[in-house]
Amino acid sequence: MEGTVCLNVDGNLLGPMNTAGYGGRLRNNAGNFIWDLLGEWIPECDLFFGLAAV
């Protein structure tokens, strides 16, 4: 539909290292790239990482 966008996100938590990575890509209704995001985070616990994704 014209004017809509799609945001795909993903993340991973390396338990023993307590390091998390995340990323995402925003695309328009034709599937063309608009914007990327990525980063690394050291969460306090798994719950904080899950809540941050929301």
C-alpha atoms as a PDB file:
ATOM      1  CA  MET A   1       0.000   0.000   0.000  1.00  0.00           C
ATOM      2  CA  GLU A   2       1.329   3.452  -0.914  1.00  0.00           C
ATOM      3  CA  GLY A   3       2.822   5.373   2.019  1.00  0.00           C
ATOM      4  CA  THR A   4       3.511   2.342   4.202  1.00  0.00           C
ATOM      5  CA  VAL A   5       6.879   1.241   5.552  1.00  0.00           C
ATOM      6  CA  CYS A   6       8.202  -2.017   6.994  1.00  0.00           C
ATOM      7  CA  LEU A   7      10.710  -2.273   9.851  1.00  0.00           C
ATOM      8  CA  ASN A   8      12.520  -5.614  10.242  1.00  0.00           C
ATOM      9  CA  VAL A   9      14.581  -6.073  13.407  1.00  0.00           C
ATOM     10  CA  ASP A  10      16.727  -8.823  14.885  1.00  0.00           C
ATOM     11  CA  GLY A  11      19.011  -9.294  17.840  1.00  0.00           C
ATOM     12  CA  ASN A  12      21.316 -11.778  19.505  1.00  0.00           C
ATOM     13  CA  LEU A  13      22.590 -12.229  23.043  1.00  0.00           C
ATOM     14  CA  LEU A  14      25.891 -13.994  23.705  1.00  0.00           C
ATOM     15  CA  GLY A  15      25.181 -15.320  27.189  1.00  0.00           C
ATOM     16  CA  PRO A  16      28.687 -16.135  28.481  1.00  0.00           C
ATOM     17  CA  MET A  17      30.041 -12.800  27.214  1.00  0.00           C
ATOM     18  CA  ASN A  18      26.902 -10.886  28.314  1.00  0.00           C
ATOM     19  CA  THR A  19      27.001  -8.867  25.086  1.00  0.00           C
ATOM     20  CA  ALA A  20      24.018  -8.168  22.851  1.00  0.00           C
ATOM     21  CA  GLY A  21      23.836  -7.017  19.260  1.00  0.00           C
ATOM     22  CA  TYR A  22      20.847  -5.654  17.385  1.00  0.00           C
ATOM     23  CA  GLY A  23      19.968  -4.345  13.978  1.00  0.00           C
ATOM     24  CA  GLY A  24      17.109  -3.337  11.757  1.00  0.00           C
ATOM     25  CA  ARG A  25      16.207  -2.110   8.296  1.00  0.00           C
ATOM     26  CA  LEU A  26      13.398   0.214   7.259  1.00  0.00           C
ATOM     27  CA  ARG A  27      11.965  -0.213   3.746  1.00  0.00           C
ATOM     28  CA  ASN A  28       9.219   1.540   1.800  1.00  0.00           C
ATOM     29  CA  ASN A  29       6.200  -0.144   0.206  1.00  0.00           C
ATOM     30  CA  ALA A  30       8.275  -0.987  -2.925  1.00  0.00           C
ATOM     31  CA  GLY A  31      10.919  -2.732  -0.801  1.00  0.00           C
ATOM     32  CA  ASN A  32      13.515   0.007  -1.284  1.00  0.00           C
ATOM     33  CA  PHE A  33      15.958   0.758   1.540  1.00  0.00           C
ATOM     34  CA  ILE A  34      15.230   3.841   3.664  1.00  0.00           C
ATOM     35  CA  TRP A  35      17.292   3.491   6.863  1.00  0.00           C
ATOM     36  CA  ASP A  36      19.475   1.020   8.822  1.00  0.00           C
ATOM     37  CA  LEU A  37      20.166   0.727  12.518  1.00  0.00           C
ATOM     38  CA  LEU A  38      22.638  -1.426  14.396  1.00  0.00           C
ATOM     39  CA  GLY A  39      24.418  -1.504  17.675  1.00  0.00           C
ATOM     40  CA  GLU A  40      25.958  -3.390  20.542  1.00  0.00           C
ATOM     41  CA  TRP A  41      24.763  -3.391  24.114  1.00  0.00           C
ATOM     42  CA  ILE A  42      25.775  -4.944  27.434  1.00  0.00           C
ATOM     43  CA  PRO A  43      22.427  -5.594  29.171  1.00  0.00           C
ATOM     44  CA  GLU A  44      21.873  -6.059  32.875  1.00  0.00           C
ATOM     45  CA  CYS A  45      19.906  -9.243  32.141  1.00  0.00           C
ATOM     46  CA  ASP A  46      17.981 -11.009  29.335  1.00  0.00           C
ATOM     47  CA  LEU A  47      14.750  -9.273  30.310  1.00  0.00           C
ATOM     48  CA  PHE A  48      16.233  -5.799  29.723  1.00  0.00           C
ATOM     49  CA  PHE A  49      17.412  -6.841  26.268  1.00  0.00           C
ATOM     50  CA  GLY A  50      13.969  -8.134  25.338  1.00  0.00           C
ATOM     51  CA  LEU A  51      12.242  -5.004  26.599  1.00  0.00           C
ATOM     52  CA  ALA A  52      14.695  -2.745  24.749  1.00  0.00           C
ATOM     53  CA  ALA A  53      13.796  -4.484  21.483  1.00  0.00           C
ATOM     54  CA  VAL A  54      10.168  -3.468  21.958  1.00  0.00           C
END
